Amino acid sequence: MWTYYRDVTLYTLAITLLTSFASAAMYDSFGAWLFNAVLVFGVFGTGLGVLAFNYFQRAQYYMYHNLGFTKSHLIMRTWLVNGIIAIVLMALIGVLR
């Protein structure tokens, strides 16, 4: 299960960093840019990471199914963990600003 989380989160981080660096000129401060990057990571990043995993590593879903994990269980658990991480990071950014 953690292998799935790691793979999806690596795709998520790559997508988040690419979109955040592309939009970096729109923000006046580093804090606002970082807050936006964490927001994209928590809301959209996991879904896009799942799509990337589905495109590049679709055959691995059979392995997880044989281990007793459904696709929806894996996706919801990954979204939950990344959502909690994003909420904690946004709270830290809010306190530090």
PDB file of N, CA and C in Angstrom:
ATOM      1  N   MET A   1       0.815  -1.190   0.000  1.00  0.00           N
ATOM      2  CA  MET A   1       0.000   0.000   0.000  1.00  0.00           C
ATOM      3  C   MET A   1       0.859   1.254   0.000  1.00  0.00           C
ATOM      4  N   TRP A   2       1.943   1.249   0.782  1.00  0.00           N
ATOM      5  CA  TRP A   2       2.790   2.442   0.830  1.00  0.00           C
ATOM      6  C   TRP A   2       3.561   2.645  -0.462  1.00  0.00           C
ATOM      7  N   THR A   3       3.785   1.579  -1.195  1.00  0.00           N
ATOM      8  CA  THR A   3       4.421   1.722  -2.504  1.00  0.00           C
ATOM      9  C   THR A   3       3.503   2.488  -3.443  1.00  0.00           C
ATOM     10  N   TYR A   4       2.222   2.198  -3.401  1.00  0.00           N
ATOM     11  CA  TYR A   4       1.251   2.934  -4.208  1.00  0.00           C
ATOM     12  C   TYR A   4       1.233   4.400  -3.790  1.00  0.00           C
ATOM     13  N   TYR A   5       1.188   4.639  -2.476  1.00  0.00           N
ATOM     14  CA  TYR A   5       1.180   6.017  -1.983  1.00  0.00           C
ATOM     15  C   TYR A   5       2.424   6.765  -2.446  1.00  0.00           C
ATOM     16  N   ARG A   6       3.578   6.130  -2.342  1.00  0.00           N
ATOM     17  CA  ARG A   6       4.823   6.776  -2.759  1.00  0.00           C
ATOM     18  C   ARG A   6       4.804   7.107  -4.242  1.00  0.00           C
ATOM     19  N   ASP A   7       4.395   6.160  -5.073  1.00  0.00           N
ATOM     20  CA  ASP A   7       4.377   6.397  -6.513  1.00  0.00           C
ATOM     21  C   ASP A   7       3.420   7.517  -6.892  1.00  0.00           C
ATOM     22  N   VAL A   8       2.210   7.487  -6.345  1.00  0.00           N
ATOM     23  CA  VAL A   8       1.228   8.531  -6.666  1.00  0.00           C
ATOM     24  C   VAL A   8       1.698   9.882  -6.141  1.00  0.00           C
ATOM     25  N   THR A   9       2.277   9.914  -4.958  1.00  0.00           N
ATOM     26  CA  THR A   9       2.731  11.177  -4.388  1.00  0.00           C
ATOM     27  C   THR A   9       3.921  11.740  -5.158  1.00  0.00           C
ATOM     28  N   LEU A  10       4.778  10.901  -5.695  1.00  0.00           N
ATOM     29  CA  LEU A  10       5.873  11.411  -6.530  1.00  0.00           C
ATOM     30  C   LEU A  10       5.339  12.051  -7.805  1.00  0.00           C
ATOM     31  N   TYR A  11       4.345  11.427  -8.428  1.00  0.00           N
ATOM     32  CA  TYR A  11       3.691  12.055  -9.581  1.00  0.00           C
ATOM     33  C   TYR A  11       3.028  13.366  -9.167  1.00  0.00           C
ATOM     34  N   THR A  12       2.393  13.347  -7.995  1.00  0.00           N
ATOM     35  CA  THR A  12       1.719  14.542  -7.493  1.00  0.00           C
ATOM     36  C   THR A  12       2.708  15.678  -7.269  1.00  0.00           C
ATOM     37  N   LEU A  13       3.839  15.378  -6.651  1.00  0.00           N
ATOM     38  CA  LEU A  13       4.842  16.404  -6.411  1.00  0.00           C
ATOM     39  C   LEU A  13       5.395  16.966  -7.715  1.00  0.00           C
ATOM     40  N   ALA A  14       5.631  16.101  -8.677  1.00  0.00           N
ATOM     41  CA  ALA A  14       6.141  16.577  -9.966  1.00  0.00           C
ATOM     42  C   ALA A  14       5.144  17.507 -10.646  1.00  0.00           C
ATOM     43  N   ILE A  15       3.894  17.132 -10.657  1.00  0.00           N
ATOM     44  CA  ILE A  15       2.854  17.962 -11.285  1.00  0.00           C
ATOM     45  C   ILE A  15       2.686  19.274 -10.518  1.00  0.00           C
ATOM     46  N   THR A  16       2.700  19.200  -9.194  1.00  0.00           N
ATOM     47  CA  THR A  16       2.544  20.399  -8.377  1.00  0.00           C
ATOM     48  C   THR A  16       3.709  21.358  -8.578  1.00  0.00           C
ATOM     49  N   LEU A  17       4.919  20.843  -8.586  1.00  0.00           N
ATOM     50  CA  LEU A  17       6.075  21.716  -8.774  1.00  0.00           C
ATOM     51  C   LEU A  17       6.092  22.346 -10.157  1.00  0.00           C
ATOM     52  N   LEU A  18       5.735  21.584 -11.171  1.00  0.00           N
ATOM     53  CA  LEU A  18       5.707  22.155 -12.525  1.00  0.00           C
ATOM     54  C   LEU A  18       4.676  23.272 -12.645  1.00  0.00           C
ATOM     55  N   THR A  19       3.492  23.047 -12.121  1.00  0.00           N
ATOM     56  CA  THR A  19       2.469  24.099 -12.210  1.00  0.00           C
ATOM     57  C   THR A  19       2.791  25.281 -11.313  1.00  0.00           C
ATOM     58  N   SER A  20       3.407  25.026 -10.160  1.00  0.00           N
ATOM     59  CA  SER A  20       3.744  26.119  -9.253  1.00  0.00           C
ATOM     60  C   SER A  20       4.876  26.979  -9.795  1.00  0.00           C
ATOM     61  N   PHE A  21       5.888  26.344 -10.377  1.00  0.00           N
ATOM     62  CA  PHE A  21       6.975  27.125 -10.958  1.00  0.00           C
ATOM     63  C   PHE A  21       6.502  27.896 -12.184  1.00  0.00           C
ATOM     64  N   ALA A  22       5.565  27.339 -12.907  1.00  0.00           N
ATOM     65  CA  ALA A  22       5.049  28.031 -14.085  1.00  0.00           C
ATOM     66  C   ALA A  22       4.251  29.274 -13.700  1.00  0.00           C
ATOM     67  N   SER A  23       3.637  29.256 -12.527  1.00  0.00           N
ATOM     68  CA  SER A  23       2.829  30.399 -12.101  1.00  0.00           C
ATOM     69  C   SER A  23       3.521  31.250 -11.043  1.00  0.00           C
ATOM     70  N   ALA A  24       4.815  31.084 -10.846  1.00  0.00           N
ATOM     71  CA  ALA A  24       5.530  31.792  -9.777  1.00  0.00           C
ATOM     72  C   ALA A  24       5.541  33.296  -9.980  1.00  0.00           C
ATOM     73  N   ALA A  25       5.527  33.756 -11.205  1.00  0.00           N
ATOM     74  CA  ALA A  25       5.585  35.197 -11.466  1.00  0.00           C
ATOM     75  C   ALA A  25       4.295  35.916 -11.096  1.00  0.00           C
ATOM     76  N   MET A  26       3.235  35.194 -10.852  1.00  0.00           N
ATOM     77  CA  MET A  26       1.949  35.809 -10.528  1.00  0.00           C
ATOM     78  C   MET A  26       1.864  36.270  -9.073  1.00  0.00           C
ATOM     79  N   TYR A  27       2.779  35.844  -8.220  1.00  0.00           N
ATOM     80  CA  TYR A  27       2.673  36.104  -6.788  1.00  0.00           C
ATOM     81  C   TYR A  27       3.713  37.121  -6.356  1.00  0.00           C
ATOM     82  N   ASP A  28       3.317  37.965  -5.383  1.00  0.00           N
ATOM     83  CA  ASP A  28       4.208  38.996  -4.878  1.00  0.00           C
ATOM     84  C   ASP A  28       5.154  38.481  -3.805  1.00  0.00           C
ATOM     85  N   SER A  29       4.735  37.469  -3.067  1.00  0.00           N
ATOM     86  CA  SER A  29       5.570  36.973  -1.983  1.00  0.00           C
ATOM     87  C   SER A  29       5.760  35.466  -2.104  1.00  0.00           C
ATOM     88  N   PHE A  30       6.821  35.021  -1.458  1.00  0.00           N
ATOM     89  CA  PHE A  30       7.112  33.589  -1.454  1.00  0.00           C
ATOM     90  C   PHE A  30       6.059  32.823  -0.665  1.00  0.00           C
ATOM     91  N   GLY A  31       5.537  33.427   0.392  1.00  0.00           N
ATOM     92  CA  GLY A  31       4.508  32.779   1.204  1.00  0.00           C
ATOM     93  C   GLY A  31       3.238  32.514   0.423  1.00  0.00           C
ATOM     94  N   ALA A  32       2.832  33.480  -0.400  1.00  0.00           N
ATOM     95  CA  ALA A  32       1.628  33.290  -1.215  1.00  0.00           C
ATOM     96  C   ALA A  32       1.852  32.205  -2.251  1.00  0.00           C
ATOM     97  N   TRP A  33       3.030  32.171  -2.842  1.00  0.00           N
ATOM     98  CA  TRP A  33       3.348  31.131  -3.821  1.00  0.00           C
ATOM     99  C   TRP A  33       3.360  29.757  -3.159  1.00  0.00           C
ATOM    100  N   LEU A  34       3.967  29.672  -1.981  1.00  0.00           N
ATOM    101  CA  LEU A  34       4.041  28.395  -1.274  1.00  0.00           C
ATOM    102  C   LEU A  34       2.652  27.923  -0.849  1.00  0.00           C
ATOM    103  N   PHE A  35       1.815  28.849  -0.383  1.00  0.00           N
ATOM    104  CA  PHE A  35       0.447  28.503  -0.010  1.00  0.00           C
ATOM    105  C   PHE A  35      -0.315  27.950  -1.213  1.00  0.00           C
ATOM    106  N   ASN A  36      -0.147  28.577  -2.374  1.00  0.00           N
ATOM    107  CA  ASN A  36      -0.801  28.098  -3.588  1.00  0.00           C
ATOM    108  C   ASN A  36      -0.274  26.717  -3.987  1.00  0.00           C
ATOM    109  N   ALA A  37       1.025  26.499  -3.857  1.00  0.00           N
ATOM    110  CA  ALA A  37       1.594  25.198  -4.201  1.00  0.00           C
ATOM    111  C   ALA A  37       1.025  24.096  -3.308  1.00  0.00           C
ATOM    112  N   VAL A  38       0.901  24.367  -2.024  1.00  0.00           N
ATOM    113  CA  VAL A  38       0.342  23.372  -1.095  1.00  0.00           C
ATOM    114  C   VAL A  38      -1.136  23.149  -1.387  1.00  0.00           C
ATOM    115  N   LEU A  39      -1.840  24.206  -1.739  1.00  0.00           N
ATOM    116  CA  LEU A  39      -3.254  24.075  -2.082  1.00  0.00           C
ATOM    117  C   LEU A  39      -3.444  23.205  -3.324  1.00  0.00           C
ATOM    118  N   VAL A  40      -2.627  23.421  -4.337  1.00  0.00           N
ATOM    119  CA  VAL A  40      -2.698  22.590  -5.548  1.00  0.00           C
ATOM    120  C   VAL A  40      -2.337  21.145  -5.218  1.00  0.00           C
ATOM    121  N   PHE A  41      -1.335  20.951  -4.354  1.00  0.00           N
ATOM    122  CA  PHE A  41      -0.940  19.603  -3.940  1.00  0.00           C
ATOM    123  C   PHE A  41      -2.099  18.886  -3.258  1.00  0.00           C
ATOM    124  N   GLY A  42      -2.771  19.556  -2.351  1.00  0.00           N
ATOM    125  CA  GLY A  42      -3.824  18.913  -1.578  1.00  0.00           C
ATOM    126  C   GLY A  42      -5.112  18.693  -2.333  1.00  0.00           C
ATOM    127  N   VAL A  43      -5.468  19.607  -3.236  1.00  0.00           N
ATOM    128  CA  VAL A  43      -6.767  19.523  -3.883  1.00  0.00           C
ATOM    129  C   VAL A  43      -6.696  18.791  -5.221  1.00  0.00           C
ATOM    130  N   PHE A  44      -5.862  19.266  -6.107  1.00  0.00           N
ATOM    131  CA  PHE A  44      -5.826  18.719  -7.466  1.00  0.00           C
ATOM    132  C   PHE A  44      -4.701  17.723  -7.699  1.00  0.00           C
ATOM    133  N   GLY A  45      -3.619  17.850  -6.957  1.00  0.00           N
ATOM    134  CA  GLY A  45      -2.422  17.062  -7.224  1.00  0.00           C
ATOM    135  C   GLY A  45      -2.624  15.562  -7.117  1.00  0.00           C
ATOM    136  N   THR A  46      -3.339  15.138  -6.096  1.00  0.00           N
ATOM    137  CA  THR A  46      -3.529  13.699  -5.903  1.00  0.00           C
ATOM    138  C   THR A  46      -4.341  13.094  -7.046  1.00  0.00           C
ATOM    139  N   GLY A  47      -5.373  13.792  -7.480  1.00  0.00           N
ATOM    140  CA  GLY A  47      -6.164  13.290  -8.614  1.00  0.00           C
ATOM    141  C   GLY A  47      -5.333  13.179  -9.878  1.00  0.00           C
ATOM    142  N   LEU A  48      -4.499  14.188 -10.124  1.00  0.00           N
ATOM    143  CA  LEU A  48      -3.635  14.134 -11.297  1.00  0.00           C
ATOM    144  C   LEU A  48      -2.547  13.074 -11.140  1.00  0.00           C
ATOM    145  N   GLY A  49      -2.081  12.873  -9.910  1.00  0.00           N
ATOM    146  CA  GLY A  49      -1.113  11.811  -9.655  1.00  0.00           C
ATOM    147  C   GLY A  49      -1.706  10.428  -9.890  1.00  0.00           C
ATOM    148  N   VAL A  50      -2.965  10.254  -9.518  1.00  0.00           N
ATOM    149  CA  VAL A  50      -3.657   8.979  -9.772  1.00  0.00           C
ATOM    150  C   VAL A  50      -3.817   8.767 -11.269  1.00  0.00           C
ATOM    151  N   LEU A  51      -4.160   9.821 -11.999  1.00  0.00           N
ATOM    152  CA  LEU A  51      -4.261   9.699 -13.462  1.00  0.00           C
ATOM    153  C   LEU A  51      -2.923   9.325 -14.087  1.00  0.00           C
ATOM    154  N   ALA A  52      -1.836   9.926 -13.602  1.00  0.00           N
ATOM    155  CA  ALA A  52      -0.510   9.594 -14.121  1.00  0.00           C
ATOM    156  C   ALA A  52      -0.141   8.153 -13.775  1.00  0.00           C
ATOM    157  N   PHE A  53      -0.442   7.722 -12.542  1.00  0.00           N
ATOM    158  CA  PHE A  53      -0.179   6.332 -12.171  1.00  0.00           C
ATOM    159  C   PHE A  53      -0.985   5.386 -13.044  1.00  0.00           C
ATOM    160  N   ASN A  54      -2.232   5.738 -13.290  1.00  0.00           N
ATOM    161  CA  ASN A  54      -3.089   4.901 -14.133  1.00  0.00           C
ATOM    162  C   ASN A  54      -2.539   4.811 -15.554  1.00  0.00           C
ATOM    163  N   TYR A  55      -1.943   5.878 -16.040  1.00  0.00           N
ATOM    164  CA  TYR A  55      -1.404   5.887 -17.404  1.00  0.00           C
ATOM    165  C   TYR A  55      -0.094   5.104 -17.496  1.00  0.00           C
ATOM    166  N   PHE A  56       0.809   5.299 -16.533  1.00  0.00           N
ATOM    167  CA  PHE A  56       2.142   4.710 -16.621  1.00  0.00           C
ATOM    168  C   PHE A  56       2.262   3.347 -15.956  1.00  0.00           C
ATOM    169  N   GLN A  57       1.474   3.070 -14.915  1.00  0.00           N
ATOM    170  CA  GLN A  57       1.653   1.843 -14.148  1.00  0.00           C
ATOM    171  C   GLN A  57       0.334   1.110 -13.909  1.00  0.00           C
ATOM    172  N   ARG A  58      -0.499   1.076 -14.894  1.00  0.00           N
ATOM    173  CA  ARG A  58      -1.832   0.481 -14.756  1.00  0.00           C
ATOM    174  C   ARG A  58      -1.781  -0.985 -14.336  1.00  0.00           C
ATOM    175  N   ALA A  59      -0.803  -1.733 -14.799  1.00  0.00           N
ATOM    176  CA  ALA A  59      -0.739  -3.164 -14.512  1.00  0.00           C
ATOM    177  C   ALA A  59      -0.530  -3.446 -13.024  1.00  0.00           C
ATOM    178  N   GLN A  60      -0.003  -2.491 -12.282  1.00  0.00           N
ATOM    179  CA  GLN A  60       0.232  -2.731 -10.852  1.00  0.00           C
ATOM    180  C   GLN A  60      -1.057  -2.812 -10.046  1.00  0.00           C
ATOM    181  N   TYR A  61      -2.152  -2.310 -10.597  1.00  0.00           N
ATOM    182  CA  TYR A  61      -3.432  -2.434  -9.880  1.00  0.00           C
ATOM    183  C   TYR A  61      -3.797  -3.905  -9.676  1.00  0.00           C
ATOM    184  N   TYR A  62      -3.383  -4.796 -10.571  1.00  0.00           N
ATOM    185  CA  TYR A  62      -3.644  -6.229 -10.395  1.00  0.00           C
ATOM    186  C   TYR A  62      -2.923  -6.763  -9.166  1.00  0.00           C
ATOM    187  N   MET A  63      -1.693  -6.287  -8.950  1.00  0.00           N
ATOM    188  CA  MET A  63      -0.938  -6.725  -7.784  1.00  0.00           C
ATOM    189  C   MET A  63      -1.637  -6.277  -6.498  1.00  0.00           C
ATOM    190  N   TYR A  64      -2.081  -5.020  -6.467  1.00  0.00           N
ATOM    191  CA  TYR A  64      -2.764  -4.527  -5.269  1.00  0.00           C
ATOM    192  C   TYR A  64      -4.100  -5.230  -5.064  1.00  0.00           C
ATOM    193  N   HIS A  65      -4.777  -5.567  -6.151  1.00  0.00           N
ATOM    194  CA  HIS A  65      -6.028  -6.310  -6.038  1.00  0.00           C
ATOM    195  C   HIS A  65      -5.775  -7.701  -5.458  1.00  0.00           C
ATOM    196  N   ASN A  66      -4.701  -8.335  -5.874  1.00  0.00           N
ATOM    197  CA  ASN A  66      -4.357  -9.654  -5.332  1.00  0.00           C
ATOM    198  C   ASN A  66      -3.965  -9.586  -3.859  1.00  0.00           C
ATOM    199  N   LEU A  67      -3.466  -8.408  -3.423  1.00  0.00           N
ATOM    200  CA  LEU A  67      -3.126  -8.232  -2.018  1.00  0.00           C
ATOM    201  C   LEU A  67      -4.334  -7.848  -1.169  1.00  0.00           C
ATOM    202  N   GLY A  68      -5.483  -7.610  -1.813  1.00  0.00           N
ATOM    203  CA  GLY A  68      -6.701  -7.319  -1.086  1.00  0.00           C
ATOM    204  C   GLY A  68      -7.095  -5.855  -1.051  1.00  0.00           C
ATOM    205  N   PHE A  69      -6.416  -5.000  -1.817  1.00  0.00           N
ATOM    206  CA  PHE A  69      -6.740  -3.571  -1.854  1.00  0.00           C
ATOM    207  C   PHE A  69      -7.520  -3.269  -3.121  1.00  0.00           C
ATOM    208  N   THR A  70      -8.626  -2.570  -2.973  1.00  0.00           N
ATOM    209  CA  THR A  70      -9.362  -2.142  -4.152  1.00  0.00           C
ATOM    210  C   THR A  70      -8.779  -0.823  -4.640  1.00  0.00           C
ATOM    211  N   LYS A  71      -9.069  -0.507  -5.870  1.00  0.00           N
ATOM    212  CA  LYS A  71      -8.566   0.729  -6.463  1.00  0.00           C
ATOM    213  C   LYS A  71      -9.119   1.938  -5.716  1.00  0.00           C
ATOM    214  N   SER A  72     -10.394   1.911  -5.387  1.00  0.00           N
ATOM    215  CA  SER A  72     -10.991   3.044  -4.685  1.00  0.00           C
ATOM    216  C   SER A  72     -10.423   3.187  -3.270  1.00  0.00           C
ATOM    217  N   HIS A  73     -10.116   2.080  -2.611  1.00  0.00           N
ATOM    218  CA  HIS A  73      -9.518   2.130  -1.280  1.00  0.00           C
ATOM    219  C   HIS A  73      -8.140   2.784  -1.337  1.00  0.00           C
ATOM    220  N   LEU A  74      -7.346   2.404  -2.319  1.00  0.00           N
ATOM    221  CA  LEU A  74      -6.010   2.981  -2.470  1.00  0.00           C
ATOM    222  C   LEU A  74      -6.083   4.481  -2.753  1.00  0.00           C
ATOM    223  N   ILE A  75      -6.989   4.865  -3.635  1.00  0.00           N
ATOM    224  CA  ILE A  75      -7.111   6.279  -4.009  1.00  0.00           C
ATOM    225  C   ILE A  75      -7.604   7.100  -2.824  1.00  0.00           C
ATOM    226  N   MET A  76      -8.610   6.624  -2.118  1.00  0.00           N
ATOM    227  CA  MET A  76      -9.150   7.386  -0.988  1.00  0.00           C
ATOM    228  C   MET A  76      -8.135   7.497   0.148  1.00  0.00           C
ATOM    229  N   ARG A  77      -7.389   6.453   0.400  1.00  0.00           N
ATOM    230  CA  ARG A  77      -6.367   6.515   1.455  1.00  0.00           C
ATOM    231  C   ARG A  77      -5.266   7.498   1.082  1.00  0.00           C
ATOM    232  N   THR A  78      -4.862   7.492  -0.176  1.00  0.00           N
ATOM    233  CA  THR A  78      -3.833   8.425  -0.636  1.00  0.00           C
ATOM    234  C   THR A  78      -4.338   9.862  -0.553  1.00  0.00           C
ATOM    235  N   TRP A  79      -5.585  10.086  -0.969  1.00  0.00           N
ATOM    236  CA  TRP A  79      -6.155  11.429  -0.917  1.00  0.00           C
ATOM    237  C   TRP A  79      -6.269  11.909   0.538  1.00  0.00           C
ATOM    238  N   LEU A  80      -6.626  11.017   1.443  1.00  0.00           N
ATOM    239  CA  LEU A  80      -6.749  11.366   2.852  1.00  0.00           C
ATOM    240  C   LEU A  80      -5.396  11.774   3.440  1.00  0.00           C
ATOM    241  N   VAL A  81      -4.369  10.983   3.192  1.00  0.00           N
ATOM    242  CA  VAL A  81      -3.042  11.289   3.732  1.00  0.00           C
ATOM    243  C   VAL A  81      -2.514  12.591   3.148  1.00  0.00           C
ATOM    244  N   ASN A  82      -2.625  12.771   1.829  1.00  0.00           N
ATOM    245  CA  ASN A  82      -2.147  14.003   1.212  1.00  0.00           C
ATOM    246  C   ASN A  82      -2.980  15.202   1.653  1.00  0.00           C
ATOM    247  N   GLY A  83      -4.261  15.015   1.874  1.00  0.00           N
ATOM    248  CA  GLY A  83      -5.098  16.100   2.372  1.00  0.00           C
ATOM    249  C   GLY A  83      -4.697  16.536   3.764  1.00  0.00           C
ATOM    250  N   ILE A  84      -4.407  15.579   4.633  1.00  0.00           N
ATOM    251  CA  ILE A  84      -3.966  15.911   5.992  1.00  0.00           C
ATOM    252  C   ILE A  84      -2.624  16.627   5.950  1.00  0.00           C
ATOM    253  N   ILE A  85      -1.719  16.157   5.113  1.00  0.00           N
ATOM    254  CA  ILE A  85      -0.419  16.819   4.969  1.00  0.00           C
ATOM    255  C   ILE A  85      -0.602  18.246   4.463  1.00  0.00           C
ATOM    256  N   ALA A  86      -1.483  18.438   3.499  1.00  0.00           N
ATOM    257  CA  ALA A  86      -1.719  19.777   2.948  1.00  0.00           C
ATOM    258  C   ALA A  86      -2.337  20.700   4.000  1.00  0.00           C
ATOM    259  N   ILE A  87      -3.273  20.202   4.799  1.00  0.00           N
ATOM    260  CA  ILE A  87      -3.899  21.028   5.836  1.00  0.00           C
ATOM    261  C   ILE A  87      -2.870  21.452   6.873  1.00  0.00           C
ATOM    262  N   VAL A  88      -2.015  20.523   7.285  1.00  0.00           N
ATOM    263  CA  VAL A  88      -0.989  20.852   8.265  1.00  0.00           C
ATOM    264  C   VAL A  88      -0.003  21.873   7.692  1.00  0.00           C
ATOM    265  N   LEU A  89       0.424  21.690   6.452  1.00  0.00           N
ATOM    266  CA  LEU A  89       1.357  22.633   5.845  1.00  0.00           C
ATOM    267  C   LEU A  89       0.713  24.008   5.654  1.00  0.00           C
ATOM    268  N   MET A  90      -0.559  24.051   5.263  1.00  0.00           N
ATOM    269  CA  MET A  90      -1.226  25.349   5.102  1.00  0.00           C
ATOM    270  C   MET A  90      -1.382  26.041   6.457  1.00  0.00           C
ATOM    271  N   ALA A  91      -1.621  25.291   7.522  1.00  0.00           N
ATOM    272  CA  ALA A  91      -1.697  25.886   8.852  1.00  0.00           C
ATOM    273  C   ALA A  91      -0.335  26.443   9.270  1.00  0.00           C
ATOM    274  N   LEU A  92       0.735  25.713   8.975  1.00  0.00           N
ATOM    275  CA  LEU A  92       2.075  26.204   9.294  1.00  0.00           C
ATOM    276  C   LEU A  92       2.430  27.449   8.498  1.00  0.00           C
ATOM    277  N   ILE A  93       2.059  27.468   7.236  1.00  0.00           N
ATOM    278  CA  ILE A  93       2.326  28.653   6.401  1.00  0.00           C
ATOM    279  C   ILE A  93       1.524  29.840   6.914  1.00  0.00           C
ATOM    280  N   GLY A  94       0.287  29.602   7.317  1.00  0.00           N
ATOM    281  CA  GLY A  94      -0.547  30.672   7.852  1.00  0.00           C
ATOM    282  C   GLY A  94       0.001  31.237   9.151  1.00  0.00           C
ATOM    283  N   VAL A  95       0.562  30.383  10.000  1.00  0.00           N
ATOM    284  CA  VAL A  95       1.135  30.837  11.262  1.00  0.00           C
ATOM    285  C   VAL A  95       2.419  31.623  11.011  1.00  0.00           C
ATOM    286  N   LEU A  96       3.217  31.173  10.062  1.00  0.00           N
ATOM    287  CA  LEU A  96       4.492  31.825   9.784  1.00  0.00           C
ATOM    288  C   LEU A  96       4.348  33.139   9.029  1.00  0.00           C
ATOM    289  N   ARG A  97       3.216  33.350   8.363  1.00  0.00           N
ATOM    290  CA  ARG A  97       3.021  34.595   7.614  1.00  0.00           C
ATOM    291  C   ARG A  97       2.678  35.651   8.565  1.00  0.00           C
TER     292      ARG A  97
END
